[in-house]
Amino acid sequence: MRAFAVQGFSSATTTLLIGGVIERLRVRLGDTLQVRIAASVLATAAAAVFHVCLHLAAGTPEIVRTVVPSVGVGFLFAVTYTVWTFDEARSSSGARPGTP
């Protein structure tokens, strides 16, 4: 039950963490697709470390089996968020596909 509660808290928190990391890196490094993909990977890695640290502190017995599904879903969220907001930014700026 404790692992369930820790995972719920961790997942909610990492959703905010992932979005925040992506946005901060996008602002600092630019709004290219390469930056956003790199930000997705870095944000997912940060979320994975956060999950593992919380579960280590809570004494979860099978950390890998507990964390891997959330990290996978977190990565899908990060990539979806990245691509969706990239496409949205392009369409709102009036840029045509294939133009800088």
PDB file of N, CA and C in Angstrom:
ATOM      1  N   MET A   1       0.824  -1.193   0.000  1.00  0.00           N
ATOM      2  CA  MET A   1       0.000   0.000   0.000  1.00  0.00           C
ATOM      3  C   MET A   1       0.872   1.263   0.000  1.00  0.00           C
ATOM      4  N   ARG A   2       1.981   1.185   0.743  1.00  0.00           N
ATOM      5  CA  ARG A   2       2.877   2.336   0.804  1.00  0.00           C
ATOM      6  C   ARG A   2       3.468   2.612  -0.586  1.00  0.00           C
ATOM      7  N   ALA A   3       3.882   1.554  -1.293  1.00  0.00           N
ATOM      8  CA  ALA A   3       4.437   1.723  -2.643  1.00  0.00           C
ATOM      9  C   ALA A   3       3.400   2.337  -3.579  1.00  0.00           C
ATOM     10  N   PHE A   4       2.152   1.948  -3.429  1.00  0.00           N
ATOM     11  CA  PHE A   4       1.065   2.506  -4.239  1.00  0.00           C
ATOM     12  C   PHE A   4       0.932   4.005  -3.991  1.00  0.00           C
ATOM     13  N   ALA A   5       0.944   4.416  -2.725  1.00  0.00           N
ATOM     14  CA  ALA A   5       0.822   5.837  -2.381  1.00  0.00           C
ATOM     15  C   ALA A   5       2.032   6.630  -2.880  1.00  0.00           C
ATOM     16  N   VAL A   6       3.209   6.074  -2.696  1.00  0.00           N
ATOM     17  CA  VAL A   6       4.425   6.753  -3.153  1.00  0.00           C
ATOM     18  C   VAL A   6       4.394   6.905  -4.671  1.00  0.00           C
ATOM     19  N   GLN A   7       3.989   5.861  -5.370  1.00  0.00           N
ATOM     20  CA  GLN A   7       3.944   5.916  -6.832  1.00  0.00           C
ATOM     21  C   GLN A   7       2.918   6.932  -7.309  1.00  0.00           C
ATOM     22  N   GLY A   8       1.777   7.021  -6.669  1.00  0.00           N
ATOM     23  CA  GLY A   8       0.764   8.010  -7.044  1.00  0.00           C
ATOM     24  C   GLY A   8       1.286   9.429  -6.884  1.00  0.00           C
ATOM     25  N   PHE A   9       1.902   9.709  -5.734  1.00  0.00           N
ATOM     26  CA  PHE A   9       2.482  11.027  -5.499  1.00  0.00           C
ATOM     27  C   PHE A   9       3.597  11.308  -6.499  1.00  0.00           C
ATOM     28  N   SER A  10       4.446  10.326  -6.716  1.00  0.00           N
ATOM     29  CA  SER A  10       5.579  10.477  -7.612  1.00  0.00           C
ATOM     30  C   SER A  10       5.117  10.741  -9.046  1.00  0.00           C
ATOM     31  N   SER A  11       4.114  10.039  -9.497  1.00  0.00           N
ATOM     32  CA  SER A  11       3.617  10.221 -10.864  1.00  0.00           C
ATOM     33  C   SER A  11       3.008  11.597 -11.070  1.00  0.00           C
ATOM     34  N   ALA A  12       2.238  12.050 -10.110  1.00  0.00           N
ATOM     35  CA  ALA A  12       1.645  13.388 -10.210  1.00  0.00           C
ATOM     36  C   ALA A  12       2.729  14.461 -10.242  1.00  0.00           C
ATOM     37  N   THR A  13       3.714  14.306  -9.406  1.00  0.00           N
ATOM     38  CA  THR A  13       4.797  15.280  -9.338  1.00  0.00           C
ATOM     39  C   THR A  13       5.654  15.261 -10.598  1.00  0.00           C
ATOM     40  N   THR A  14       5.948  14.083 -11.114  1.00  0.00           N
ATOM     41  CA  THR A  14       6.801  14.017 -12.298  1.00  0.00           C
ATOM     42  C   THR A  14       6.117  14.541 -13.555  1.00  0.00           C
ATOM     43  N   THR A  15       4.803  14.509 -13.600  1.00  0.00           N
ATOM     44  CA  THR A  15       4.102  15.115 -14.732  1.00  0.00           C
ATOM     45  C   THR A  15       4.419  16.605 -14.783  1.00  0.00           C
ATOM     46  N   LEU A  16       4.366  17.253 -13.636  1.00  0.00           N
ATOM     47  CA  LEU A  16       4.722  18.674 -13.571  1.00  0.00           C
ATOM     48  C   LEU A  16       6.207  18.880 -13.858  1.00  0.00           C
ATOM     49  N   LEU A  17       7.032  17.999 -13.344  1.00  0.00           N
ATOM     50  CA  LEU A  17       8.473  18.082 -13.561  1.00  0.00           C
ATOM     51  C   LEU A  17       8.806  17.978 -15.050  1.00  0.00           C
ATOM     52  N   ILE A  18       8.226  17.029 -15.729  1.00  0.00           N
ATOM     53  CA  ILE A  18       8.503  16.820 -17.151  1.00  0.00           C
ATOM     54  C   ILE A  18       8.125  18.058 -17.966  1.00  0.00           C
ATOM     55  N   GLY A  19       6.918  18.553 -17.765  1.00  0.00           N
ATOM     56  CA  GLY A  19       6.485  19.744 -18.501  1.00  0.00           C
ATOM     57  C   GLY A  19       7.360  20.950 -18.204  1.00  0.00           C
ATOM     58  N   GLY A  20       7.716  21.132 -16.944  1.00  0.00           N
ATOM     59  CA  GLY A  20       8.557  22.262 -16.557  1.00  0.00           C
ATOM     60  C   GLY A  20       9.946  22.198 -17.157  1.00  0.00           C
ATOM     61  N   VAL A  21      10.556  21.025 -17.139  1.00  0.00           N
ATOM     62  CA  VAL A  21      11.902  20.865 -17.715  1.00  0.00           C
ATOM     63  C   VAL A  21      11.863  21.142 -19.215  1.00  0.00           C
ATOM     64  N   ILE A  22      10.879  20.609 -19.899  1.00  0.00           N
ATOM     65  CA  ILE A  22      10.769  20.824 -21.343  1.00  0.00           C
ATOM     66  C   ILE A  22      10.629  22.311 -21.650  1.00  0.00           C
ATOM     67  N   GLU A  23       9.759  22.988 -20.933  1.00  0.00           N
ATOM     68  CA  GLU A  23       9.539  24.410 -21.194  1.00  0.00           C
ATOM     69  C   GLU A  23      10.766  25.256 -20.869  1.00  0.00           C
ATOM     70  N   ARG A  24      11.435  24.978 -19.763  1.00  0.00           N
ATOM     71  CA  ARG A  24      12.632  25.755 -19.402  1.00  0.00           C
ATOM     72  C   ARG A  24      13.750  25.561 -20.420  1.00  0.00           C
ATOM     73  N   LEU A  25      13.970  24.342 -20.838  1.00  0.00           N
ATOM     74  CA  LEU A  25      15.011  24.101 -21.838  1.00  0.00           C
ATOM     75  C   LEU A  25      14.647  24.716 -23.185  1.00  0.00           C
ATOM     76  N   ARG A  26      13.389  24.669 -23.538  1.00  0.00           N
ATOM     77  CA  ARG A  26      12.943  25.273 -24.799  1.00  0.00           C
ATOM     78  C   ARG A  26      13.203  26.774 -24.791  1.00  0.00           C
ATOM     79  N   VAL A  27      12.904  27.429 -23.672  1.00  0.00           N
ATOM     80  CA  VAL A  27      13.119  28.868 -23.571  1.00  0.00           C
ATOM     81  C   VAL A  27      14.613  29.201 -23.624  1.00  0.00           C
ATOM     82  N   ARG A  28      15.422  28.401 -22.923  1.00  0.00           N
ATOM     83  CA  ARG A  28      16.869  28.680 -22.870  1.00  0.00           C
ATOM     84  C   ARG A  28      17.604  28.320 -24.153  1.00  0.00           C
ATOM     85  N   LEU A  29      17.230  27.217 -24.784  1.00  0.00           N
ATOM     86  CA  LEU A  29      18.007  26.711 -25.911  1.00  0.00           C
ATOM     87  C   LEU A  29      17.376  26.951 -27.271  1.00  0.00           C
ATOM     88  N   GLY A  30      16.151  27.407 -27.299  1.00  0.00           N
ATOM     89  CA  GLY A  30      15.486  27.655 -28.569  1.00  0.00           C
ATOM     90  C   GLY A  30      14.316  26.715 -28.767  1.00  0.00           C
ATOM     91  N   ASP A  31      13.611  26.954 -29.859  1.00  0.00           N
ATOM     92  CA  ASP A  31      12.373  26.217 -30.098  1.00  0.00           C
ATOM     93  C   ASP A  31      12.504  25.310 -31.308  1.00  0.00           C
ATOM     94  N   THR A  32      13.620  24.598 -31.375  1.00  0.00           N
ATOM     95  CA  THR A  32      13.790  23.656 -32.482  1.00  0.00           C
ATOM     96  C   THR A  32      13.295  22.279 -32.052  1.00  0.00           C
ATOM     97  N   LEU A  33      13.004  21.471 -33.014  1.00  0.00           N
ATOM     98  CA  LEU A  33      12.540  20.113 -32.712  1.00  0.00           C
ATOM     99  C   LEU A  33      13.628  19.315 -31.996  1.00  0.00           C
ATOM    100  N   GLN A  34      14.888  19.522 -32.369  1.00  0.00           N
ATOM    101  CA  GLN A  34      15.988  18.806 -31.727  1.00  0.00           C
ATOM    102  C   GLN A  34      16.075  19.155 -30.244  1.00  0.00           C
ATOM    103  N   VAL A  35      15.904  20.412 -29.911  1.00  0.00           N
ATOM    104  CA  VAL A  35      15.936  20.843 -28.506  1.00  0.00           C
ATOM    105  C   VAL A  35      14.782  20.208 -27.746  1.00  0.00           C
ATOM    106  N   ARG A  36      13.635  20.175 -28.346  1.00  0.00           N
ATOM    107  CA  ARG A  36      12.475  19.613 -27.656  1.00  0.00           C
ATOM    108  C   ARG A  36      12.596  18.112 -27.440  1.00  0.00           C
ATOM    109  N   ILE A  37      13.144  17.409 -28.400  1.00  0.00           N
ATOM    110  CA  ILE A  37      13.342  15.969 -28.221  1.00  0.00           C
ATOM    111  C   ILE A  37      14.384  15.718 -27.138  1.00  0.00           C
ATOM    112  N   ALA A  38      15.483  16.469 -27.176  1.00  0.00           N
ATOM    113  CA  ALA A  38      16.502  16.334 -26.125  1.00  0.00           C
ATOM    114  C   ALA A  38      15.903  16.673 -24.763  1.00  0.00           C
ATOM    115  N   ALA A  39      15.063  17.691 -24.712  1.00  0.00           N
ATOM    116  CA  ALA A  39      14.413  18.070 -23.458  1.00  0.00           C
ATOM    117  C   ALA A  39      13.489  16.956 -22.970  1.00  0.00           C
ATOM    118  N   SER A  40      12.826  16.269 -23.882  1.00  0.00           N
ATOM    119  CA  SER A  40      11.960  15.150 -23.510  1.00  0.00           C
ATOM    120  C   SER A  40      12.757  14.035 -22.854  1.00  0.00           C
ATOM    121  N   VAL A  41      13.902  13.726 -23.442  1.00  0.00           N
ATOM    122  CA  VAL A  41      14.751  12.666 -22.895  1.00  0.00           C
ATOM    123  C   VAL A  41      15.301  13.068 -21.529  1.00  0.00           C
ATOM    124  N   LEU A  42      15.792  14.303 -21.423  1.00  0.00           N
ATOM    125  CA  LEU A  42      16.325  14.775 -20.142  1.00  0.00           C
ATOM    126  C   LEU A  42      15.239  14.841 -19.067  1.00  0.00           C
ATOM    127  N   ALA A  43      14.066  15.302 -19.433  1.00  0.00           N
ATOM    128  CA  ALA A  43      12.966  15.385 -18.472  1.00  0.00           C
ATOM    129  C   ALA A  43      12.554  13.993 -17.992  1.00  0.00           C
ATOM    130  N   THR A  44      12.527  13.031 -18.903  1.00  0.00           N
ATOM    131  CA  THR A  44      12.183  11.667 -18.528  1.00  0.00           C
ATOM    132  C   THR A  44      13.243  11.070 -17.614  1.00  0.00           C
ATOM    133  N   ALA A  45      14.503  11.349 -17.897  1.00  0.00           N
ATOM    134  CA  ALA A  45      15.588  10.861 -17.035  1.00  0.00           C
ATOM    135  C   ALA A  45      15.479  11.461 -15.631  1.00  0.00           C
ATOM    136  N   ALA A  46      15.172  12.751 -15.559  1.00  0.00           N
ATOM    137  CA  ALA A  46      14.995  13.395 -14.254  1.00  0.00           C
ATOM    138  C   ALA A  46      13.819  12.777 -13.503  1.00  0.00           C
ATOM    139  N   ALA A  47      12.746  12.486 -14.223  1.00  0.00           N
ATOM    140  CA  ALA A  47      11.577  11.860 -13.601  1.00  0.00           C
ATOM    141  C   ALA A  47      11.924  10.461 -13.089  1.00  0.00           C
ATOM    142  N   ALA A  48      12.714   9.722 -13.844  1.00  0.00           N
ATOM    143  CA  ALA A  48      13.112   8.375 -13.421  1.00  0.00           C
ATOM    144  C   ALA A  48      13.939   8.437 -12.140  1.00  0.00           C
ATOM    145  N   VAL A  49      14.866   9.368 -12.077  1.00  0.00           N
ATOM    146  CA  VAL A  49      15.682   9.530 -10.866  1.00  0.00           C
ATOM    147  C   VAL A  49      14.799   9.906  -9.680  1.00  0.00           C
ATOM    148  N   PHE A  50      13.853  10.782  -9.900  1.00  0.00           N
ATOM    149  CA  PHE A  50      12.924  11.188  -8.840  1.00  0.00           C
ATOM    150  C   PHE A  50      12.126   9.990  -8.332  1.00  0.00           C
ATOM    151  N   HIS A  51      11.580   9.187  -9.260  1.00  0.00           N
ATOM    152  CA  HIS A  51      10.831   7.982  -8.878  1.00  0.00           C
ATOM    153  C   HIS A  51      11.685   7.047  -8.027  1.00  0.00           C
ATOM    154  N   VAL A  52      12.882   6.764  -8.505  1.00  0.00           N
ATOM    155  CA  VAL A  52      13.761   5.821  -7.808  1.00  0.00           C
ATOM    156  C   VAL A  52      14.118   6.339  -6.417  1.00  0.00           C
ATOM    157  N   CYS A  53      14.448   7.610  -6.309  1.00  0.00           N
ATOM    158  CA  CYS A  53      14.805   8.183  -5.001  1.00  0.00           C
ATOM    159  C   CYS A  53      13.651   8.088  -4.008  1.00  0.00           C
ATOM    160  N   LEU A  54      12.451   8.405  -4.460  1.00  0.00           N
ATOM    161  CA  LEU A  54      11.291   8.311  -3.560  1.00  0.00           C
ATOM    162  C   LEU A  54      11.053   6.872  -3.112  1.00  0.00           C
ATOM    163  N   HIS A  55      11.162   5.941  -4.030  1.00  0.00           N
ATOM    164  CA  HIS A  55      10.932   4.545  -3.669  1.00  0.00           C
ATOM    165  C   HIS A  55      12.039   3.990  -2.785  1.00  0.00           C
ATOM    166  N   LEU A  56      13.266   4.438  -2.995  1.00  0.00           N
ATOM    167  CA  LEU A  56      14.357   4.037  -2.097  1.00  0.00           C
ATOM    168  C   LEU A  56      14.082   4.548  -0.688  1.00  0.00           C
ATOM    169  N   ALA A  57      13.656   5.790  -0.579  1.00  0.00           N
ATOM    170  CA  ALA A  57      13.353   6.376   0.732  1.00  0.00           C
ATOM    171  C   ALA A  57      12.179   5.677   1.412  1.00  0.00           C
ATOM    172  N   ALA A  58      11.212   5.224   0.609  1.00  0.00           N
ATOM    173  CA  ALA A  58      10.029   4.558   1.158  1.00  0.00           C
ATOM    174  C   ALA A  58      10.273   3.084   1.445  1.00  0.00           C
ATOM    175  N   GLY A  59      11.368   2.538   0.937  1.00  0.00           N
ATOM    176  CA  GLY A  59      11.655   1.122   1.162  1.00  0.00           C
ATOM    177  C   GLY A  59      10.855   0.188   0.283  1.00  0.00           C
ATOM    178  N   THR A  60      10.501   0.621  -0.895  1.00  0.00           N
ATOM    179  CA  THR A  60       9.762  -0.222  -1.833  1.00  0.00           C
ATOM    180  C   THR A  60      10.610  -1.436  -2.199  1.00  0.00           C
ATOM    181  N   PRO A  61      10.053  -2.642  -2.115  1.00  0.00           N
ATOM    182  CA  PRO A  61      10.856  -3.842  -2.346  1.00  0.00           C
ATOM    183  C   PRO A  61      11.277  -4.061  -3.808  1.00  0.00           C
ATOM    184  N   GLU A  62      10.430  -3.831  -4.770  1.00  0.00           N
ATOM    185  CA  GLU A  62      10.752  -4.081  -6.182  1.00  0.00           C
ATOM    186  C   GLU A  62      10.681  -2.763  -6.949  1.00  0.00           C
ATOM    187  N   ILE A  63      11.708  -1.968  -6.809  1.00  0.00           N
ATOM    188  CA  ILE A  63      11.707  -0.618  -7.364  1.00  0.00           C
ATOM    189  C   ILE A  63      11.623  -0.629  -8.888  1.00  0.00           C
ATOM    190  N   VAL A  64      12.401  -1.460  -9.527  1.00  0.00           N
ATOM    191  CA  VAL A  64      12.427  -1.461 -10.994  1.00  0.00           C
ATOM    192  C   VAL A  64      11.050  -1.804 -11.557  1.00  0.00           C
ATOM    193  N   ARG A  65      10.440  -2.860 -11.038  1.00  0.00           N
ATOM    194  CA  ARG A  65       9.098  -3.253 -11.521  1.00  0.00           C
ATOM    195  C   ARG A  65       8.061  -2.190 -11.218  1.00  0.00           C
ATOM    196  N   THR A  66       8.268  -1.413 -10.178  1.00  0.00           N
ATOM    197  CA  THR A  66       7.326  -0.362  -9.812  1.00  0.00           C
ATOM    198  C   THR A  66       7.512   0.880 -10.677  1.00  0.00           C
ATOM    199  N   VAL A  67       8.745   1.209 -11.009  1.00  0.00           N
ATOM    200  CA  VAL A  67       9.062   2.477 -11.662  1.00  0.00           C
ATOM    201  C   VAL A  67       9.008   2.405 -13.193  1.00  0.00           C
ATOM    202  N   VAL A  68       9.392   1.291 -13.781  1.00  0.00           N
ATOM    203  CA  VAL A  68       9.499   1.201 -15.241  1.00  0.00           C
ATOM    204  C   VAL A  68       8.207   1.587 -15.969  1.00  0.00           C
ATOM    205  N   PRO A  69       7.030   1.111 -15.561  1.00  0.00           N
ATOM    206  CA  PRO A  69       5.823   1.532 -16.285  1.00  0.00           C
ATOM    207  C   PRO A  69       5.600   3.045 -16.243  1.00  0.00           C
ATOM    208  N   SER A  70       5.846   3.666 -15.105  1.00  0.00           N
ATOM    209  CA  SER A  70       5.661   5.115 -15.005  1.00  0.00           C
ATOM    210  C   SER A  70       6.658   5.885 -15.846  1.00  0.00           C
ATOM    211  N   VAL A  71       7.880   5.399 -15.909  1.00  0.00           N
ATOM    212  CA  VAL A  71       8.889   6.063 -16.728  1.00  0.00           C
ATOM    213  C   VAL A  71       8.509   5.946 -18.207  1.00  0.00           C
ATOM    214  N   GLY A  72       8.014   4.786 -18.611  1.00  0.00           N
ATOM    215  CA  GLY A  72       7.561   4.612 -19.989  1.00  0.00           C
ATOM    216  C   GLY A  72       6.416   5.540 -20.346  1.00  0.00           C
ATOM    217  N   VAL A  73       5.437   5.615 -19.472  1.00  0.00           N
ATOM    218  CA  VAL A  73       4.300   6.515 -19.700  1.00  0.00           C
ATOM    219  C   VAL A  73       4.772   7.965 -19.665  1.00  0.00           C
ATOM    220  N   GLY A  74       5.689   8.276 -18.758  1.00  0.00           N
ATOM    221  CA  GLY A  74       6.242   9.628 -18.687  1.00  0.00           C
ATOM    222  C   GLY A  74       6.953  10.018 -19.967  1.00  0.00           C
ATOM    223  N   PHE A  75       7.699   9.078 -20.557  1.00  0.00           N
ATOM    224  CA  PHE A  75       8.378   9.360 -21.822  1.00  0.00           C
ATOM    225  C   PHE A  75       7.362   9.603 -22.930  1.00  0.00           C
ATOM    226  N   LEU A  76       6.322   8.786 -22.995  1.00  0.00           N
ATOM    227  CA  LEU A  76       5.269   9.006 -24.002  1.00  0.00           C
ATOM    228  C   LEU A  76       4.616  10.374 -23.818  1.00  0.00           C
ATOM    229  N   PHE A  77       4.362  10.747 -22.569  1.00  0.00           N
ATOM    230  CA  PHE A  77       3.809  12.073 -22.287  1.00  0.00           C
ATOM    231  C   PHE A  77       4.766  13.160 -22.761  1.00  0.00           C
ATOM    232  N   ALA A  78       6.056  13.015 -22.444  1.00  0.00           N
ATOM    233  CA  ALA A  78       7.048  14.030 -22.803  1.00  0.00           C
ATOM    234  C   ALA A  78       7.130  14.207 -24.321  1.00  0.00           C
ATOM    235  N   VAL A  79       7.177  13.104 -25.046  1.00  0.00           N
ATOM    236  CA  VAL A  79       7.279  13.190 -26.503  1.00  0.00           C
ATOM    237  C   VAL A  79       6.000  13.770 -27.099  1.00  0.00           C
ATOM    238  N   THR A  80       4.859  13.330 -26.603  1.00  0.00           N
ATOM    239  CA  THR A  80       3.583  13.863 -27.093  1.00  0.00           C
ATOM    240  C   THR A  80       3.475  15.354 -26.819  1.00  0.00           C
ATOM    241  N   TYR A  81       3.807  15.755 -25.613  1.00  0.00           N
ATOM    242  CA  TYR A  81       3.772  17.172 -25.236  1.00  0.00           C
ATOM    243  C   TYR A  81       4.718  17.980 -26.121  1.00  0.00           C
ATOM    244  N   THR A  82       5.913  17.448 -26.337  1.00  0.00           N
ATOM    245  CA  THR A  82       6.919  18.134 -27.141  1.00  0.00           C
ATOM    246  C   THR A  82       6.455  18.318 -28.575  1.00  0.00           C
ATOM    247  N   VAL A  83       6.019  17.256 -29.200  1.00  0.00           N
ATOM    248  CA  VAL A  83       5.602  17.331 -30.594  1.00  0.00           C
ATOM    249  C   VAL A  83       4.345  18.179 -30.740  1.00  0.00           C
ATOM    250  N   TRP A  84       3.392  18.010 -29.850  1.00  0.00           N
ATOM    251  CA  TRP A  84       2.141  18.763 -29.921  1.00  0.00           C
ATOM    252  C   TRP A  84       2.411  20.256 -29.785  1.00  0.00           C
ATOM    253  N   THR A  85       3.184  20.658 -28.789  1.00  0.00           N
ATOM    254  CA  THR A  85       3.435  22.085 -28.596  1.00  0.00           C
ATOM    255  C   THR A  85       4.345  22.636 -29.687  1.00  0.00           C
ATOM    256  N   PHE A  86       5.225  21.814 -30.249  1.00  0.00           N
ATOM    257  CA  PHE A  86       6.063  22.266 -31.359  1.00  0.00           C
ATOM    258  C   PHE A  86       5.199  22.546 -32.575  1.00  0.00           C
ATOM    259  N   ASP A  87       4.309  21.619 -32.906  1.00  0.00           N
ATOM    260  CA  ASP A  87       3.414  21.812 -34.042  1.00  0.00           C
ATOM    261  C   ASP A  87       2.501  23.011 -33.819  1.00  0.00           C
ATOM    262  N   GLU A  88       2.026  23.175 -32.589  1.00  0.00           N
ATOM    263  CA  GLU A  88       1.149  24.295 -32.254  1.00  0.00           C
ATOM    264  C   GLU A  88       1.882  25.626 -32.416  1.00  0.00           C
ATOM    265  N   ALA A  89       3.124  25.694 -31.956  1.00  0.00           N
ATOM    266  CA  ALA A  89       3.918  26.915 -32.082  1.00  0.00           C
ATOM    267  C   ALA A  89       4.176  27.233 -33.551  1.00  0.00           C
ATOM    268  N   ARG A  90       4.443  26.231 -34.351  1.00  0.00           N
ATOM    269  CA  ARG A  90       4.673  26.436 -35.790  1.00  0.00           C
ATOM    270  C   ARG A  90       3.416  26.948 -36.475  1.00  0.00           C
ATOM    271  N   SER A  91       2.273  26.343 -36.177  1.00  0.00           N
ATOM    272  CA  SER A  91       1.046  26.750 -36.866  1.00  0.00           C
ATOM    273  C   SER A  91       0.607  28.142 -36.431  1.00  0.00           C
ATOM    274  N   SER A  92       0.858  28.511 -35.183  1.00  0.00           N
ATOM    275  CA  SER A  92       0.449  29.836 -34.733  1.00  0.00           C
ATOM    276  C   SER A  92       1.381  30.924 -35.241  1.00  0.00           C
ATOM    277  N   SER A  93       2.623  30.562 -35.614  1.00  0.00           N
ATOM    278  CA  SER A  93       3.563  31.554 -36.142  1.00  0.00           C
ATOM    279  C   SER A  93       3.387  31.731 -37.640  1.00  0.00           C
ATOM    280  N   GLY A  94       2.615  30.861 -38.258  1.00  0.00           N
ATOM    281  CA  GLY A  94       2.371  30.969 -39.695  1.00  0.00           C
ATOM    282  C   GLY A  94       3.463  30.347 -40.539  1.00  0.00           C
ATOM    283  N   ALA A  95       4.388  29.655 -39.913  1.00  0.00           N
ATOM    284  CA  ALA A  95       5.484  29.039 -40.669  1.00  0.00           C
ATOM    285  C   ALA A  95       4.959  27.814 -41.413  1.00  0.00           C
ATOM    286  N   ARG A  96       5.499  27.607 -42.599  1.00  0.00           N
ATOM    287  CA  ARG A  96       5.145  26.430 -43.367  1.00  0.00           C
ATOM    288  C   ARG A  96       6.050  25.294 -42.967  1.00  0.00           C
ATOM    289  N   PRO A  97       5.583  24.049 -43.049  1.00  0.00           N
ATOM    290  CA  PRO A  97       6.451  22.906 -42.756  1.00  0.00           C
ATOM    291  C   PRO A  97       7.686  22.951 -43.657  1.00  0.00           C
ATOM    292  N   GLY A  98       8.835  22.689 -43.066  1.00  0.00           N
ATOM    293  CA  GLY A  98      10.073  22.674 -43.817  1.00  0.00           C
ATOM    294  C   GLY A  98      10.773  24.025 -43.885  1.00  0.00           C
ATOM    295  N   THR A  99      10.158  25.063 -43.290  1.00  0.00           N
ATOM    296  CA  THR A  99      10.809  26.379 -43.274  1.00  0.00           C
ATOM    297  C   THR A  99      11.224  26.707 -41.860  1.00  0.00           C
ATOM    298  N   PRO A 100      12.330  27.437 -41.719  1.00  0.00           N
ATOM    299  CA  PRO A 100      12.803  27.764 -40.347  1.00  0.00           C
ATOM    300  C   PRO A 100      11.941  28.786 -39.654  1.00  0.00           C
TER     301      PRO A 100
END
